[in-house]
Amino acid sequence: MKEILWHGRGGQGAFTASILLGTAYINESPEYHALAFPSFGPERRGAPVRAFNRIDSERVGDRSEIKKADYLLYLDDSLLGENPLSELREHGVAIINTDGPVEIRDERVVTFDASGLAAEILGRPIANTGILGFWAGFSGEISLDSLVTAVRTGLNPKLQEGNIRVIQEAFVRGKSYVREK
């Protein structure tokens, strides 16, 4: 089972991105079963939220919070906290949306300026689809076509074309990402 944990703030679209990711897996192959679910309380916009994906070849029914993920996807670097990799499996990868360096020295950390890309394309720094596209290109887990289909079926038609452009560009950057030594 593949487990993915999203960290974001209310209004950044972490749960929306997790739904798109689950849909993309299902689009990728009928063998995949996907579950996307959020964890948040009555907080307002800007409060920390978490979203989860579980992907497997068998039906997924476990909706408990993920304790150790294959991927941590941070939509906001201000959420890194004291031990930001504590929820990451030993051979997992954390992708962090940031426009600068992070002070985490760990080979499992990858950074990408998804907000900057979204601001350039959409005119708004909404990082969710940028991180989603980057993750897909970087990980090689799902195809760009599956993501685009997920956006076409899962987002408001007014939001589709711009977000598809963000995903396409982020996917290319993820595929060509080279980690610094």
N, C-alpha and C. Protein backbone atom coordinates (compact mmCIF):
# COMPACT_ATOMS: atom_id res chain seq x y z
N MET A 1 0.84 -1.18 0.00
CA MET A 1 0.00 0.00 0.00
C MET A 1 0.89 1.24 0.00
N LYS A 2 0.54 2.19 -0.84
CA LYS A 2 1.24 3.47 -0.89
C LYS A 2 0.46 4.47 -0.06
N GLU A 3 1.17 5.21 0.81
CA GLU A 3 0.51 6.20 1.67
C GLU A 3 1.17 7.56 1.48
N ILE A 4 0.32 8.56 1.27
CA ILE A 4 0.77 9.93 0.99
C ILE A 4 0.08 10.86 1.96
N LEU A 5 0.86 11.73 2.57
CA LEU A 5 0.34 12.67 3.56
C LEU A 5 0.60 14.10 3.08
N TRP A 6 -0.48 14.86 3.00
CA TRP A 6 -0.43 16.26 2.58
C TRP A 6 -0.53 17.15 3.80
N HIS A 7 0.33 18.18 3.87
CA HIS A 7 0.25 19.21 4.91
C HIS A 7 -0.04 20.54 4.21
N GLY A 8 -1.07 21.21 4.65
CA GLY A 8 -1.41 22.50 4.07
C GLY A 8 -2.12 23.37 5.08
N ARG A 9 -2.64 24.46 4.61
CA ARG A 9 -3.45 25.36 5.42
C ARG A 9 -4.83 25.43 4.78
N GLY A 10 -5.83 25.69 5.60
CA GLY A 10 -7.18 25.82 5.09
C GLY A 10 -7.23 26.81 3.94
N GLY A 11 -7.78 26.40 2.82
CA GLY A 11 -7.87 27.27 1.65
C GLY A 11 -6.78 27.02 0.62
N GLN A 12 -5.77 26.20 0.95
CA GLN A 12 -4.70 25.94 -0.01
C GLN A 12 -4.99 24.76 -0.93
N GLY A 13 -6.01 24.00 -0.63
CA GLY A 13 -6.41 22.92 -1.52
C GLY A 13 -5.72 21.59 -1.31
N ALA A 14 -5.26 21.30 -0.09
CA ALA A 14 -4.62 20.00 0.17
C ALA A 14 -5.60 18.86 -0.06
N PHE A 15 -6.82 18.99 0.44
CA PHE A 15 -7.79 17.92 0.26
C PHE A 15 -8.19 17.80 -1.21
N THR A 16 -8.36 18.91 -1.90
CA THR A 16 -8.68 18.87 -3.32
C THR A 16 -7.57 18.14 -4.09
N ALA A 17 -6.32 18.45 -3.77
CA ALA A 17 -5.20 17.79 -4.45
C ALA A 17 -5.19 16.29 -4.15
N SER A 18 -5.52 15.92 -2.91
CA SER A 18 -5.53 14.49 -2.58
C SER A 18 -6.64 13.77 -3.35
N ILE A 19 -7.77 14.42 -3.54
CA ILE A 19 -8.85 13.83 -4.35
C ILE A 19 -8.39 13.67 -5.80
N LEU A 20 -7.76 14.70 -6.34
CA LEU A 20 -7.26 14.62 -7.72
C LEU A 20 -6.23 13.50 -7.86
N LEU A 21 -5.38 13.34 -6.86
CA LEU A 21 -4.38 12.28 -6.91
C LEU A 21 -5.03 10.91 -6.89
N GLY A 22 -6.00 10.71 -5.99
CA GLY A 22 -6.71 9.43 -5.96
C GLY A 22 -7.39 9.14 -7.28
N THR A 23 -8.03 10.15 -7.86
CA THR A 23 -8.69 9.99 -9.15
C THR A 23 -7.68 9.66 -10.24
N ALA A 24 -6.53 10.31 -10.20
CA ALA A 24 -5.50 10.04 -11.21
C ALA A 24 -5.01 8.60 -11.14
N TYR A 25 -4.85 8.08 -9.94
CA TYR A 25 -4.44 6.67 -9.81
C TYR A 25 -5.48 5.75 -10.43
N ILE A 26 -6.74 6.03 -10.15
CA ILE A 26 -7.81 5.20 -10.71
C ILE A 26 -7.83 5.34 -12.24
N ASN A 27 -7.58 6.54 -12.75
CA ASN A 27 -7.48 6.75 -14.20
C ASN A 27 -6.31 5.97 -14.79
N GLU A 28 -5.25 5.85 -14.01
CA GLU A 28 -4.02 5.20 -14.48
C GLU A 28 -4.27 3.72 -14.79
N SER A 29 -5.02 3.06 -13.91
CA SER A 29 -5.23 1.62 -14.10
C SER A 29 -6.42 1.16 -13.28
N PRO A 30 -7.23 0.28 -13.84
CA PRO A 30 -8.37 -0.26 -13.08
C PRO A 30 -7.91 -1.14 -11.92
N GLU A 31 -6.63 -1.47 -11.88
CA GLU A 31 -6.09 -2.28 -10.78
C GLU A 31 -5.93 -1.47 -9.50
N TYR A 32 -5.90 -0.14 -9.61
CA TYR A 32 -5.70 0.71 -8.43
C TYR A 32 -7.01 0.97 -7.71
N HIS A 33 -6.92 1.00 -6.40
CA HIS A 33 -7.99 1.45 -5.53
C HIS A 33 -7.40 2.61 -4.74
N ALA A 34 -8.15 3.69 -4.61
CA ALA A 34 -7.63 4.88 -3.96
C ALA A 34 -8.63 5.44 -2.96
N LEU A 35 -8.08 5.99 -1.90
CA LEU A 35 -8.89 6.65 -0.89
C LEU A 35 -8.24 7.99 -0.58
N ALA A 36 -9.02 9.05 -0.54
CA ALA A 36 -8.55 10.38 -0.17
C ALA A 36 -9.46 10.88 0.93
N PHE A 37 -8.86 11.40 2.01
CA PHE A 37 -9.68 11.90 3.11
C PHE A 37 -8.91 12.98 3.86
N PRO A 38 -9.64 13.93 4.46
CA PRO A 38 -9.00 15.04 5.17
C PRO A 38 -8.99 14.82 6.68
N SER A 39 -8.22 15.66 7.35
CA SER A 39 -8.25 15.74 8.81
C SER A 39 -8.18 17.22 9.17
N PHE A 40 -9.29 17.75 9.60
CA PHE A 40 -9.32 19.13 10.07
C PHE A 40 -10.52 19.29 10.97
N GLY A 41 -10.48 20.29 11.78
CA GLY A 41 -11.58 20.56 12.70
C GLY A 41 -12.36 21.77 12.25
N PRO A 42 -12.92 22.50 13.17
CA PRO A 42 -13.73 23.66 12.82
C PRO A 42 -12.89 24.91 12.53
N GLU A 43 -11.61 24.72 12.28
CA GLU A 43 -10.72 25.85 12.05
C GLU A 43 -11.14 26.66 10.83
N ARG A 44 -10.59 27.84 10.76
CA ARG A 44 -10.89 28.73 9.64
C ARG A 44 -9.78 28.68 8.61
N ARG A 45 -10.00 29.42 7.56
CA ARG A 45 -9.00 29.54 6.49
C ARG A 45 -7.64 29.90 7.11
N GLY A 46 -6.62 29.20 6.68
CA GLY A 46 -5.27 29.46 7.15
C GLY A 46 -4.81 28.53 8.26
N ALA A 47 -5.72 27.80 8.87
CA ALA A 47 -5.35 26.87 9.93
C ALA A 47 -4.72 25.61 9.31
N PRO A 48 -3.79 24.96 10.01
CA PRO A 48 -3.19 23.74 9.47
C PRO A 48 -4.23 22.64 9.22
N VAL A 49 -4.10 21.99 8.08
CA VAL A 49 -4.95 20.85 7.72
C VAL A 49 -4.04 19.75 7.18
N ARG A 50 -4.56 18.54 7.22
CA ARG A 50 -3.86 17.41 6.65
C ARG A 50 -4.83 16.65 5.76
N ALA A 51 -4.30 16.08 4.70
CA ALA A 51 -5.10 15.22 3.83
C ALA A 51 -4.26 13.97 3.57
N PHE A 52 -4.95 12.90 3.27
CA PHE A 52 -4.29 11.61 3.15
C PHE A 52 -4.73 10.88 1.89
N ASN A 53 -3.79 10.12 1.32
CA ASN A 53 -4.11 9.19 0.24
C ASN A 53 -3.58 7.81 0.62
N ARG A 54 -4.41 6.84 0.40
CA ARG A 54 -3.98 5.44 0.46
C ARG A 54 -4.31 4.84 -0.90
N ILE A 55 -3.31 4.19 -1.49
CA ILE A 55 -3.43 3.61 -2.81
C ILE A 55 -2.99 2.15 -2.71
N ASP A 56 -3.78 1.26 -3.28
CA ASP A 56 -3.43 -0.16 -3.20
C ASP A 56 -4.06 -0.91 -4.38
N SER A 57 -3.61 -2.13 -4.56
CA SER A 57 -4.21 -2.99 -5.58
C SER A 57 -5.47 -3.68 -5.07
N GLU A 58 -5.70 -3.58 -3.77
CA GLU A 58 -6.93 -4.11 -3.16
C GLU A 58 -7.75 -2.95 -2.62
N ARG A 59 -9.01 -3.20 -2.38
CA ARG A 59 -9.89 -2.16 -1.86
C ARG A 59 -9.33 -1.58 -0.57
N VAL A 60 -9.41 -0.25 -0.44
CA VAL A 60 -8.86 0.45 0.72
C VAL A 60 -10.03 0.93 1.58
N GLY A 61 -10.03 0.55 2.83
CA GLY A 61 -11.11 0.96 3.72
C GLY A 61 -10.62 1.67 4.96
N ASP A 62 -9.33 1.62 5.22
CA ASP A 62 -8.76 2.22 6.43
C ASP A 62 -8.71 3.74 6.29
N ARG A 63 -9.50 4.44 7.13
CA ARG A 63 -9.53 5.91 7.11
C ARG A 63 -8.80 6.51 8.30
N SER A 64 -7.99 5.71 8.98
CA SER A 64 -7.24 6.27 10.10
C SER A 64 -6.10 7.12 9.57
N GLU A 65 -5.65 8.07 10.37
CA GLU A 65 -4.57 8.95 9.95
C GLU A 65 -3.31 8.15 9.68
N ILE A 66 -2.57 8.57 8.69
CA ILE A 66 -1.32 7.91 8.33
C ILE A 66 -0.24 8.34 9.32
N LYS A 67 0.44 7.37 9.88
CA LYS A 67 1.51 7.64 10.85
C LYS A 67 2.87 7.79 10.17
N LYS A 68 3.13 6.94 9.17
CA LYS A 68 4.39 6.99 8.42
C LYS A 68 4.06 6.88 6.94
N ALA A 69 4.41 7.90 6.18
CA ALA A 69 4.03 7.99 4.77
C ALA A 69 5.21 7.70 3.85
N ASP A 70 4.87 7.27 2.65
CA ASP A 70 5.88 7.12 1.59
C ASP A 70 6.28 8.50 1.06
N TYR A 71 5.30 9.41 1.04
CA TYR A 71 5.55 10.78 0.59
C TYR A 71 4.88 11.75 1.54
N LEU A 72 5.61 12.79 1.92
CA LEU A 72 5.05 13.94 2.62
C LEU A 72 5.05 15.09 1.63
N LEU A 73 3.91 15.72 1.44
CA LEU A 73 3.79 16.83 0.51
C LEU A 73 3.37 18.07 1.28
N TYR A 74 4.29 19.01 1.44
CA TYR A 74 4.05 20.24 2.18
C TYR A 74 3.69 21.35 1.22
N LEU A 75 2.47 21.89 1.37
CA LEU A 75 2.05 23.02 0.53
C LEU A 75 2.54 24.34 1.09
N ASP A 76 3.04 24.35 2.31
CA ASP A 76 3.44 25.58 2.98
C ASP A 76 4.63 25.27 3.88
N ASP A 77 5.78 25.89 3.60
CA ASP A 77 6.97 25.60 4.39
C ASP A 77 6.89 26.10 5.83
N SER A 78 5.92 26.94 6.14
CA SER A 78 5.75 27.38 7.54
C SER A 78 5.19 26.26 8.42
N LEU A 79 4.77 25.16 7.81
CA LEU A 79 4.23 24.02 8.56
C LEU A 79 5.29 22.99 8.93
N LEU A 80 6.55 23.26 8.61
CA LEU A 80 7.59 22.25 8.83
C LEU A 80 7.76 21.88 10.31
N GLY A 81 7.64 22.80 11.21
CA GLY A 81 7.71 22.49 12.63
C GLY A 81 9.07 21.98 13.08
N GLU A 82 9.08 21.40 14.27
CA GLU A 82 10.32 20.98 14.91
C GLU A 82 10.92 19.70 14.30
N ASN A 83 10.09 18.75 13.95
CA ASN A 83 10.57 17.49 13.37
C ASN A 83 9.72 17.14 12.15
N PRO A 84 9.94 17.83 11.05
CA PRO A 84 9.04 17.70 9.89
C PRO A 84 9.09 16.36 9.17
N LEU A 85 10.09 15.54 9.45
CA LEU A 85 10.19 14.26 8.76
C LEU A 85 9.78 13.08 9.65
N SER A 86 9.22 13.37 10.80
CA SER A 86 8.85 12.30 11.74
C SER A 86 7.76 11.38 11.17
N GLU A 87 7.00 11.86 10.20
CA GLU A 87 5.93 11.05 9.61
C GLU A 87 6.36 10.39 8.29
N LEU A 88 7.65 10.46 7.99
CA LEU A 88 8.16 9.93 6.73
C LEU A 88 8.84 8.58 6.95
N ARG A 89 8.52 7.63 6.10
CA ARG A 89 9.19 6.33 6.15
C ARG A 89 10.67 6.48 5.81
N GLU A 90 11.42 5.48 6.18
CA GLU A 90 12.88 5.53 6.01
C GLU A 90 13.30 5.84 4.57
N HIS A 91 12.63 5.25 3.60
CA HIS A 91 13.00 5.47 2.20
C HIS A 91 11.99 6.37 1.48
N GLY A 92 11.24 7.16 2.25
CA GLY A 92 10.26 8.06 1.68
C GLY A 92 10.89 9.35 1.18
N VAL A 93 10.04 10.22 0.65
CA VAL A 93 10.48 11.52 0.15
C VAL A 93 9.51 12.59 0.62
N ALA A 94 10.05 13.71 1.07
CA ALA A 94 9.26 14.88 1.43
C ALA A 94 9.47 15.94 0.36
N ILE A 95 8.37 16.42 -0.21
CA ILE A 95 8.44 17.50 -1.20
C ILE A 95 7.86 18.73 -0.53
N ILE A 96 8.66 19.79 -0.49
CA ILE A 96 8.29 21.00 0.23
C ILE A 96 8.17 22.17 -0.74
N ASN A 97 7.02 22.83 -0.70
CA ASN A 97 6.81 24.04 -1.48
C ASN A 97 7.53 25.18 -0.77
N THR A 98 8.55 25.72 -1.42
CA THR A 98 9.28 26.85 -0.86
C THR A 98 9.99 27.59 -1.99
N ASP A 99 10.22 28.87 -1.77
CA ASP A 99 10.95 29.65 -2.78
C ASP A 99 12.41 29.85 -2.38
N GLY A 100 12.83 29.17 -1.34
CA GLY A 100 14.22 29.27 -0.89
C GLY A 100 14.67 27.97 -0.27
N PRO A 101 15.87 27.96 0.26
CA PRO A 101 16.37 26.73 0.88
C PRO A 101 15.66 26.47 2.21
N VAL A 102 15.61 25.21 2.59
CA VAL A 102 15.09 24.84 3.90
C VAL A 102 16.28 24.38 4.74
N GLU A 103 16.11 24.45 6.04
CA GLU A 103 17.23 24.11 6.92
C GLU A 103 17.26 22.64 7.31
N ILE A 104 16.62 21.81 6.54
CA ILE A 104 16.61 20.38 6.79
C ILE A 104 17.67 19.74 5.91
N ARG A 105 18.64 19.13 6.52
CA ARG A 105 19.70 18.46 5.76
C ARG A 105 19.41 16.96 5.78
N ASP A 106 18.69 16.51 4.78
CA ASP A 106 18.30 15.12 4.69
C ASP A 106 18.11 14.82 3.21
N GLU A 107 18.67 13.72 2.75
CA GLU A 107 18.59 13.38 1.32
C GLU A 107 17.17 13.07 0.87
N ARG A 108 16.25 12.89 1.80
CA ARG A 108 14.86 12.58 1.45
C ARG A 108 14.04 13.84 1.18
N VAL A 109 14.63 15.02 1.32
CA VAL A 109 13.92 16.29 1.15
C VAL A 109 14.17 16.86 -0.24
N VAL A 110 13.08 17.23 -0.89
CA VAL A 110 13.11 17.85 -2.21
C VAL A 110 12.30 19.14 -2.11
N THR A 111 12.80 20.22 -2.69
CA THR A 111 12.06 21.49 -2.65
C THR A 111 11.65 21.89 -4.07
N PHE A 112 10.54 22.61 -4.11
CA PHE A 112 10.01 23.09 -5.39
C PHE A 112 9.14 24.31 -5.11
N ASP A 113 9.29 25.36 -5.89
CA ASP A 113 8.51 26.58 -5.70
C ASP A 113 7.19 26.49 -6.48
N ALA A 114 6.27 25.72 -5.93
CA ALA A 114 4.95 25.54 -6.56
C ALA A 114 4.13 26.82 -6.50
N SER A 115 4.27 27.59 -5.43
CA SER A 115 3.54 28.85 -5.31
C SER A 115 3.98 29.83 -6.38
N GLY A 116 5.29 29.90 -6.61
CA GLY A 116 5.81 30.80 -7.65
C GLY A 116 5.32 30.41 -9.03
N LEU A 117 5.31 29.11 -9.31
CA LEU A 117 4.82 28.64 -10.60
C LEU A 117 3.34 28.98 -10.77
N ALA A 118 2.55 28.73 -9.73
CA ALA A 118 1.11 29.03 -9.81
C ALA A 118 0.88 30.53 -9.98
N ALA A 119 1.64 31.35 -9.27
CA ALA A 119 1.48 32.80 -9.40
C ALA A 119 1.79 33.24 -10.83
N GLU A 120 2.80 32.64 -11.42
CA GLU A 120 3.19 32.96 -12.79
C GLU A 120 2.09 32.58 -13.79
N ILE A 121 1.49 31.42 -13.61
CA ILE A 121 0.51 30.91 -14.57
C ILE A 121 -0.92 31.35 -14.24
N LEU A 122 -1.29 31.26 -12.97
CA LEU A 122 -2.67 31.54 -12.56
C LEU A 122 -2.88 32.96 -12.05
N GLY A 123 -1.77 33.62 -11.69
CA GLY A 123 -1.88 34.94 -11.08
C GLY A 123 -2.18 34.86 -9.59
N ARG A 124 -2.15 33.64 -9.04
CA ARG A 124 -2.39 33.42 -7.60
C ARG A 124 -1.45 32.32 -7.12
N PRO A 125 -0.86 32.47 -5.95
CA PRO A 125 0.13 31.50 -5.47
C PRO A 125 -0.48 30.26 -4.79
N ILE A 126 -1.34 29.55 -5.49
CA ILE A 126 -1.99 28.37 -4.92
C ILE A 126 -1.17 27.15 -5.34
N ALA A 127 -0.56 26.48 -4.37
CA ALA A 127 0.47 25.47 -4.63
C ALA A 127 -0.03 24.06 -4.87
N ASN A 128 -1.29 23.77 -4.64
CA ASN A 128 -1.72 22.37 -4.62
C ASN A 128 -1.47 21.63 -5.93
N THR A 129 -1.90 22.19 -7.06
CA THR A 129 -1.72 21.45 -8.32
C THR A 129 -0.25 21.48 -8.77
N GLY A 130 0.50 22.48 -8.37
CA GLY A 130 1.93 22.51 -8.66
C GLY A 130 2.67 21.39 -7.95
N ILE A 131 2.39 21.22 -6.67
CA ILE A 131 3.01 20.12 -5.91
C ILE A 131 2.56 18.78 -6.47
N LEU A 132 1.29 18.66 -6.82
CA LEU A 132 0.76 17.43 -7.39
C LEU A 132 1.49 17.07 -8.69
N GLY A 133 1.60 18.03 -9.60
CA GLY A 133 2.28 17.78 -10.87
C GLY A 133 3.77 17.48 -10.68
N PHE A 134 4.41 18.24 -9.80
CA PHE A 134 5.84 18.01 -9.53
C PHE A 134 6.04 16.60 -8.97
N TRP A 135 5.21 16.23 -7.97
CA TRP A 135 5.31 14.90 -7.36
C TRP A 135 5.17 13.81 -8.43
N ALA A 136 4.19 13.95 -9.32
CA ALA A 136 3.97 12.93 -10.35
C ALA A 136 5.18 12.81 -11.28
N GLY A 137 5.73 13.93 -11.70
CA GLY A 137 6.91 13.88 -12.56
C GLY A 137 8.12 13.33 -11.83
N PHE A 138 8.33 13.78 -10.61
CA PHE A 138 9.48 13.35 -9.82
C PHE A 138 9.41 11.86 -9.49
N SER A 139 8.24 11.42 -9.04
CA SER A 139 8.10 10.04 -8.56
C SER A 139 7.94 9.03 -9.70
N GLY A 140 7.35 9.46 -10.80
CA GLY A 140 7.06 8.54 -11.89
C GLY A 140 5.92 7.58 -11.57
N GLU A 141 5.17 7.89 -10.54
CA GLU A 141 4.10 6.99 -10.07
C GLU A 141 2.89 6.98 -11.00
N ILE A 142 2.54 8.12 -11.58
CA ILE A 142 1.39 8.20 -12.47
C ILE A 142 1.71 9.10 -13.66
N SER A 143 0.95 8.95 -14.70
CA SER A 143 1.21 9.70 -15.93
C SER A 143 0.58 11.09 -15.89
N LEU A 144 1.11 11.94 -16.71
CA LEU A 144 0.55 13.27 -16.88
C LEU A 144 -0.88 13.18 -17.42
N ASP A 145 -1.13 12.27 -18.34
CA ASP A 145 -2.48 12.11 -18.90
C ASP A 145 -3.50 11.77 -17.81
N SER A 146 -3.13 10.91 -16.87
CA SER A 146 -4.04 10.55 -15.78
C SER A 146 -4.35 11.76 -14.90
N LEU A 147 -3.34 12.59 -14.65
CA LEU A 147 -3.58 13.81 -13.86
C LEU A 147 -4.49 14.79 -14.60
N VAL A 148 -4.25 14.99 -15.87
CA VAL A 148 -5.07 15.91 -16.66
C VAL A 148 -6.52 15.43 -16.69
N THR A 149 -6.72 14.14 -16.85
CA THR A 149 -8.08 13.59 -16.83
C THR A 149 -8.73 13.82 -15.47
N ALA A 150 -7.97 13.66 -14.40
CA ALA A 150 -8.50 13.90 -13.05
C ALA A 150 -8.94 15.35 -12.89
N VAL A 151 -8.16 16.28 -13.41
CA VAL A 151 -8.53 17.71 -13.33
C VAL A 151 -9.78 17.97 -14.15
N ARG A 152 -9.86 17.39 -15.33
CA ARG A 152 -11.03 17.61 -16.20
C ARG A 152 -12.31 17.06 -15.59
N THR A 153 -12.21 16.04 -14.79
CA THR A 153 -13.41 15.47 -14.16
C THR A 153 -13.64 15.96 -12.74
N GLY A 154 -12.61 16.56 -12.12
CA GLY A 154 -12.72 16.89 -10.70
C GLY A 154 -12.74 18.36 -10.34
N LEU A 155 -12.38 19.23 -11.26
CA LEU A 155 -12.37 20.66 -10.95
C LEU A 155 -13.45 21.40 -11.74
N ASN A 156 -13.86 22.51 -11.19
CA ASN A 156 -14.78 23.41 -11.85
C ASN A 156 -14.21 23.75 -13.22
N PRO A 157 -15.01 23.72 -14.28
CA PRO A 157 -14.50 24.01 -15.63
C PRO A 157 -13.73 25.33 -15.73
N LYS A 158 -14.10 26.33 -14.95
CA LYS A 158 -13.40 27.62 -14.99
C LYS A 158 -11.96 27.50 -14.49
N LEU A 159 -11.69 26.49 -13.67
CA LEU A 159 -10.37 26.34 -13.06
C LEU A 159 -9.49 25.33 -13.79
N GLN A 160 -10.05 24.64 -14.73
CA GLN A 160 -9.33 23.52 -15.34
C GLN A 160 -8.11 23.91 -16.15
N GLU A 161 -8.26 24.77 -17.12
CA GLU A 161 -7.16 25.03 -18.06
C GLU A 161 -5.92 25.60 -17.38
N GLY A 162 -6.08 26.56 -16.50
CA GLY A 162 -4.93 27.12 -15.79
C GLY A 162 -4.25 26.08 -14.92
N ASN A 163 -5.04 25.28 -14.20
CA ASN A 163 -4.44 24.26 -13.34
C ASN A 163 -3.79 23.15 -14.15
N ILE A 164 -4.33 22.85 -15.30
CA ILE A 164 -3.67 21.86 -16.17
C ILE A 164 -2.32 22.40 -16.63
N ARG A 165 -2.24 23.67 -16.96
CA ARG A 165 -0.95 24.26 -17.36
C ARG A 165 0.05 24.20 -16.20
N VAL A 166 -0.42 24.47 -14.97
CA VAL A 166 0.46 24.38 -13.80
C VAL A 166 0.96 22.94 -13.65
N ILE A 167 0.06 21.98 -13.73
CA ILE A 167 0.45 20.57 -13.58
C ILE A 167 1.43 20.16 -14.67
N GLN A 168 1.18 20.56 -15.89
CA GLN A 168 2.07 20.18 -16.99
C GLN A 168 3.49 20.72 -16.77
N GLU A 169 3.59 21.99 -16.42
CA GLU A 169 4.92 22.58 -16.20
C GLU A 169 5.59 21.97 -14.97
N ALA A 170 4.84 21.76 -13.90
CA ALA A 170 5.41 21.17 -12.69
C ALA A 170 5.85 19.73 -12.95
N PHE A 171 5.08 19.00 -13.74
CA PHE A 171 5.42 17.61 -14.09
C PHE A 171 6.77 17.57 -14.80
N VAL A 172 6.96 18.45 -15.78
CA VAL A 172 8.22 18.52 -16.52
C VAL A 172 9.37 18.84 -15.57
N ARG A 173 9.16 19.78 -14.68
CA ARG A 173 10.22 20.15 -13.72
C ARG A 173 10.50 19.01 -12.75
N GLY A 174 9.48 18.28 -12.36
CA GLY A 174 9.68 17.13 -11.48
C GLY A 174 10.46 16.02 -12.16
N LYS A 175 10.15 15.77 -13.43
CA LYS A 175 10.87 14.73 -14.19
C LYS A 175 12.34 15.07 -14.35
N SER A 176 12.65 16.34 -14.49
CA SER A 176 14.03 16.74 -14.73
C SER A 176 14.76 17.18 -13.46
N TYR A 177 14.11 17.04 -12.31
CA TYR A 177 14.71 17.48 -11.04
C TYR A 177 15.97 16.68 -10.74
N VAL A 178 17.02 17.39 -10.38
CA VAL A 178 18.26 16.76 -9.97
C VAL A 178 18.58 17.23 -8.57
N ARG A 179 18.73 16.29 -7.66
CA ARG A 179 19.01 16.64 -6.27
C ARG A 179 20.44 17.17 -6.16
N GLU A 180 20.57 18.19 -5.31
CA GLU A 180 21.90 18.73 -5.02
C GLU A 180 22.62 17.79 -4.06
N LYS A 181 23.89 17.66 -4.24
CA LYS A 181 24.69 16.78 -3.36
C LYS A 181 25.22 17.55 -2.18
